[in-house]
Protein backbone atom coordinates (compact mmCIF):
# COMPACT_ATOMS: atom_id res chain seq x y z
CA VAL A 1 -13.85 -23.83 7.72
CA THR A 2 -15.10 -21.00 5.54
CA HIS A 3 -11.85 -19.44 4.31
CA SER A 4 -9.29 -20.53 1.75
CA ILE A 5 -5.90 -22.03 2.46
CA PRO A 6 -2.88 -19.77 1.88
CA ALA A 7 -0.76 -22.41 0.18
CA CYS A 8 0.33 -24.04 -3.03
CA ILE A 9 -1.31 -27.29 -4.11
CA GLY A 10 -0.01 -29.45 -6.94
CA SER A 11 -0.13 -32.95 -8.46
CA MET A 12 -3.61 -33.77 -7.21
CA THR A 13 -5.06 -37.08 -8.32
CA ILE A 14 -8.55 -38.50 -7.89
CA ASN A 15 -8.98 -42.23 -8.50
CA SER A 16 -5.43 -42.32 -9.89
CA LYS A 17 -6.34 -39.69 -12.50
CA GLN A 18 -4.31 -36.50 -12.33
CA LEU A 19 -6.41 -33.34 -12.35
CA ASP A 20 -5.61 -30.81 -15.05
CA ASN A 21 -5.08 -27.55 -13.18
CA GLU A 22 -3.86 -25.74 -16.31
CA SER A 23 -7.36 -25.36 -17.77
CA PRO A 24 -9.90 -25.25 -14.91
CA VAL A 25 -13.64 -24.91 -15.51
CA SER A 26 -13.67 -21.88 -13.20
CA ILE A 27 -11.09 -20.06 -11.12
CA PHE A 28 -11.29 -17.39 -8.40
CA ALA A 29 -8.44 -15.67 -6.51
CA VAL A 30 -5.93 -18.40 -7.38
CA ASN A 31 -2.48 -17.31 -8.42
CA LYS A 32 0.42 -19.31 -9.77
CA CYS A 33 2.91 -20.74 -7.30
CA TYR A 34 6.40 -19.27 -7.28
CA VAL A 35 9.63 -21.25 -7.17
CA THR A 36 11.03 -18.81 -4.61
CA VAL A 37 8.81 -16.78 -2.31
CA GLN A 38 9.26 -14.09 0.31
CA ASP A 39 7.00 -12.92 3.12
CA GLY A 40 4.77 -10.06 2.11
CA THR A 41 1.80 -9.23 -0.10
CA PHE A 42 1.96 -9.25 -3.89
CA PHE A 43 0.10 -6.52 -5.82
CA ASP A 44 -0.23 -7.42 -9.51
CA GLY A 45 -0.72 -3.81 -10.66
CA SER A 46 -4.44 -4.08 -11.38
CA GLY A 47 -6.16 -3.45 -8.05
CA PHE A 48 -5.95 -2.54 -4.37
CA ALA A 49 -6.56 -3.65 -0.80
CA ALA A 50 -9.22 -1.89 1.27
CA LEU A 51 -8.86 -1.88 5.06
CA VAL A 52 -10.94 -0.47 7.95
CA LYS A 53 -14.42 -0.52 6.42
CA GLU A 54 -15.86 1.78 9.09
CA GLY A 55 -13.29 4.48 8.18
CA TYR A 56 -9.86 5.41 9.51
CA LYS A 57 -9.52 8.68 11.41
CA VAL A 58 -6.10 10.22 10.84
CA ARG A 59 -6.79 13.39 12.86
CA SER A 60 -3.72 15.24 14.19
CA ASP A 61 -1.04 12.54 14.32
CA VAL A 62 -0.15 9.37 12.46
CA ASN A 63 3.06 7.52 11.74
CA ILE A 64 3.03 5.11 8.78
CA THR A 65 5.78 2.54 8.23
CA LEU A 66 5.99 -0.06 5.48
CA GLU A 67 8.46 -1.87 3.27
CA PHE A 68 8.05 -2.01 -0.50
CA ARG A 69 9.69 -3.68 -3.46
CA THR A 70 8.92 -2.73 -7.05
CA THR A 71 10.38 -2.24 -10.51
CA ALA A 72 7.64 0.24 -11.53
CA ALA A 73 8.29 4.01 -11.39
CA HIS A 74 4.65 4.85 -10.62
CA GLY A 75 2.09 3.50 -8.18
CA VAL A 76 -0.23 4.32 -5.30
CA LEU A 77 1.06 3.11 -1.93
CA LEU A 78 -1.66 4.32 0.45
CA GLY A 79 -4.53 6.78 0.62
CA VAL A 80 -7.03 7.81 3.29
CA SER A 81 -9.52 10.48 2.33
CA SER A 82 -12.73 12.16 3.43
CA ALA A 83 -15.81 13.53 1.70
CA LYS A 84 -14.26 16.99 2.16
CA VAL A 85 -10.66 17.91 1.26
CA ASP A 86 -9.02 16.36 4.33
CA ALA A 87 -6.81 13.43 3.33
CA ILE A 88 -3.37 11.83 3.33
CA GLY A 89 -1.67 10.04 0.45
CA LEU A 90 1.55 8.13 -0.24
CA GLU A 91 2.61 7.39 -3.80
CA ILE A 92 5.51 6.71 -6.15
CA VAL A 93 5.66 9.17 -9.04
CA ASN A 94 8.56 9.05 -11.53
CA GLY A 95 10.61 7.02 -9.05
CA LYS A 96 10.14 9.62 -6.27
CA ILE A 97 8.17 9.08 -3.06
CA LEU A 98 5.50 11.69 -2.33
CA PHE A 99 3.68 12.08 1.00
CA HIS A 100 0.71 14.45 0.74
CA VAL A 101 -1.36 15.78 3.64
CA ASN A 102 -4.36 18.10 3.62
CA ASN A 103 -5.60 19.18 7.05
CA GLY A 104 -8.38 21.20 5.43
CA ALA A 105 -6.48 24.38 4.51
CA GLY A 106 -4.50 23.05 1.54
CA ARG A 107 -2.31 20.19 0.39
CA ILE A 108 1.33 20.03 1.45
CA THR A 109 3.82 17.49 0.13
CA ALA A 110 7.07 15.97 1.33
CA THR A 111 9.06 14.59 -1.62
CA TYR A 112 11.91 12.11 -1.45
CA GLU A 113 13.99 12.19 -4.61
CA PRO A 114 16.59 9.42 -4.79
CA ARG A 115 20.03 10.08 -6.27
CA GLY A 116 19.57 7.57 -9.10
CA THR A 117 16.34 7.73 -11.11
CA ASN A 118 15.48 4.06 -10.60
CA SER A 119 17.21 3.49 -7.29
CA LEU A 120 13.92 2.97 -5.39
CA CYS A 121 12.41 0.91 -8.22
CA ASP A 122 15.19 -1.66 -8.37
CA GLY A 123 13.23 -4.71 -7.18
CA LYS A 124 14.88 -4.57 -3.74
CA TRP A 125 13.18 -3.93 -0.39
CA HIS A 126 13.08 -0.32 0.82
CA LYS A 127 11.88 1.03 4.17
CA LEU A 128 9.48 3.94 4.26
CA GLN A 129 8.28 6.00 7.21
CA ALA A 130 5.78 8.85 6.77
CA ASN A 131 4.98 10.97 9.77
CA LYS A 132 2.27 13.56 10.30
CA SER A 133 2.41 15.45 13.57
CA LYS A 134 -0.24 18.18 13.62
CA HIS A 135 0.86 20.54 10.78
CA ARG A 136 4.34 19.01 10.35
CA ILE A 137 5.05 16.18 7.92
CA SER A 138 8.18 14.18 7.16
CA LEU A 139 9.36 11.19 5.13
CA ILE A 140 12.19 8.81 5.97
CA ILE A 141 13.27 6.48 3.14
CA ASP A 142 15.99 3.93 3.96
CA GLY A 143 17.10 6.22 6.80
CA ASN A 144 17.13 9.46 4.74
CA LEU A 145 14.93 12.22 6.20
CA VAL A 146 12.93 14.77 4.20
CA GLN A 147 10.89 17.46 5.98
CA THR A 148 8.72 20.14 4.49
CA ASP A 149 7.48 23.55 5.61
CA ASN A 150 3.75 24.01 6.06
CA PRO A 151 2.32 27.49 5.62
CA TYR A 152 -1.01 26.39 7.16
CA ILE A 153 0.16 26.06 10.78
CA GLN A 154 -3.31 26.70 12.26
CA SER A 155 -4.75 23.66 10.48
CA THR A 156 -3.59 20.50 12.28
CA SER A 157 -6.19 17.72 11.91
CA ALA A 158 -6.96 15.58 8.85
CA ASP A 159 -10.56 14.63 9.58
CA THR A 160 -10.74 11.50 7.46
CA ASN A 161 -13.48 8.89 7.75
CA ASN A 162 -12.95 6.64 4.72
CA PRO A 163 -11.23 3.25 4.46
CA ILE A 164 -7.47 2.91 4.05
CA TYR A 165 -6.79 2.05 0.42
CA VAL A 166 -3.44 0.37 -0.23
CA GLY A 167 -1.82 -0.16 -3.63
CA GLY A 168 -4.60 1.63 -5.51
CA TYR A 169 -8.28 2.51 -5.14
CA PRO A 170 -11.60 1.96 -6.96
CA ALA A 171 -12.45 4.25 -9.87
CA ASP A 172 -15.53 5.61 -8.09
CA VAL A 173 -13.65 6.55 -4.90
CA LYS A 174 -12.29 10.07 -4.44
CA GLN A 175 -8.76 10.46 -3.13
CA ASN A 176 -7.92 14.07 -2.35
CA CYS A 177 -4.22 13.50 -1.67
CA LEU A 178 -3.19 11.24 -4.54
CA MET A 179 -2.17 12.32 -8.03
CA SER A 180 -1.48 8.87 -9.44
CA LYS A 181 -4.20 6.53 -10.61
CA SER A 182 -1.70 3.73 -11.27
CA SER A 183 -2.10 0.68 -9.06
CA PHE A 184 1.07 -0.46 -7.33
CA HIS A 185 2.89 -3.39 -8.95
CA GLY A 186 5.21 -5.16 -6.55
CA CYS A 187 5.31 -6.33 -2.96
CA LEU A 188 4.50 -4.67 0.36
CA ARG A 189 5.08 -5.90 3.91
CA ASN A 190 4.97 -4.73 7.53
CA LEU A 191 2.38 -1.96 7.10
CA ILE A 192 2.04 -0.36 10.54
CA LEU A 193 0.02 2.75 11.44
CA THR A 194 0.90 4.22 14.84
CA LYS A 195 -1.05 6.82 16.82
CA GLY A 196 0.56 7.78 20.11
CA GLN A 197 1.60 4.53 21.79
CA GLN A 198 -0.83 2.41 19.79
CA ALA A 199 0.69 0.60 16.80
CA GLU A 200 -1.51 -1.42 14.45
CA LEU A 201 -0.02 -3.97 12.04
CA PHE A 202 -2.36 -4.51 9.09
CA ASP A 203 -2.84 -8.05 7.81
CA PHE A 204 -3.85 -7.84 4.15
CA SER A 205 -5.64 -11.18 4.32
CA ARG A 206 -8.18 -9.43 6.59
CA ALA A 207 -8.92 -6.67 4.05
CA PHE A 208 -12.65 -6.26 3.34
CA ASP A 209 -11.92 -5.86 -0.38
CA LEU A 210 -8.95 -7.33 -2.25
CA ARG A 211 -8.53 -7.01 -6.02
CA GLY A 212 -5.39 -8.16 -7.77
CA VAL A 213 -3.74 -8.65 -4.37
CA PHE A 214 -2.28 -11.92 -3.05
CA PRO A 215 -1.77 -11.51 0.68
CA HIS A 216 0.42 -14.44 1.69
CA SER A 217 3.50 -14.40 -0.52
CA CYS A 218 5.63 -12.42 -2.94
CA PRO A 219 7.48 -13.91 -5.86
CA GLY A 220 11.20 -14.11 -5.06
CA ALA A 221 13.25 -11.04 -5.93
CA GLU A 222 13.49 -10.37 -9.66
CA HIS A 223 16.98 -10.57 -11.17
């Protein structure tokens, strides 16, 4: 076995002597255990998860669904970019959800503005769906639809070829459709990208780069 165990381990003794796990000699990718946990992936606000090392091709159509839970008013949710201007980006800015798409002709944005300033950053789970269909883009948050007009109707394909960055991205990586540099602090689950009939559920434990991300559990809801 070459991979770690996604679990909590406590009260370990060797030869009747209890090991002190409070002050280890060295530690790597070990988080504290929570009294109550939920399914999902915890982002501690310092890093990101990188998926699809060979590059994800958005092209003309993609439908992104995920659930998030946070108390922070800012944070990157997801970005896929290219070496050119083509890109897509999902982020929380001032408690609003922004979905940006650039098919090469210019960036367009669908913005979901909740009624209450902090109503999406209340520590409860919220459902997000972002859809790009050629030049049209839309956002559905908790069942509420936002669509936006696109003046660049001739430009329909986002020719991306970079990894999918979730919850943030490295300082040396360009993201053409994200304004925020703040890493997401909270929990994500059920990230699915659908193209046509093909839906792909992304398992964060299979990310090729994880920083400040704990893929197997979220601390129980904050009160």
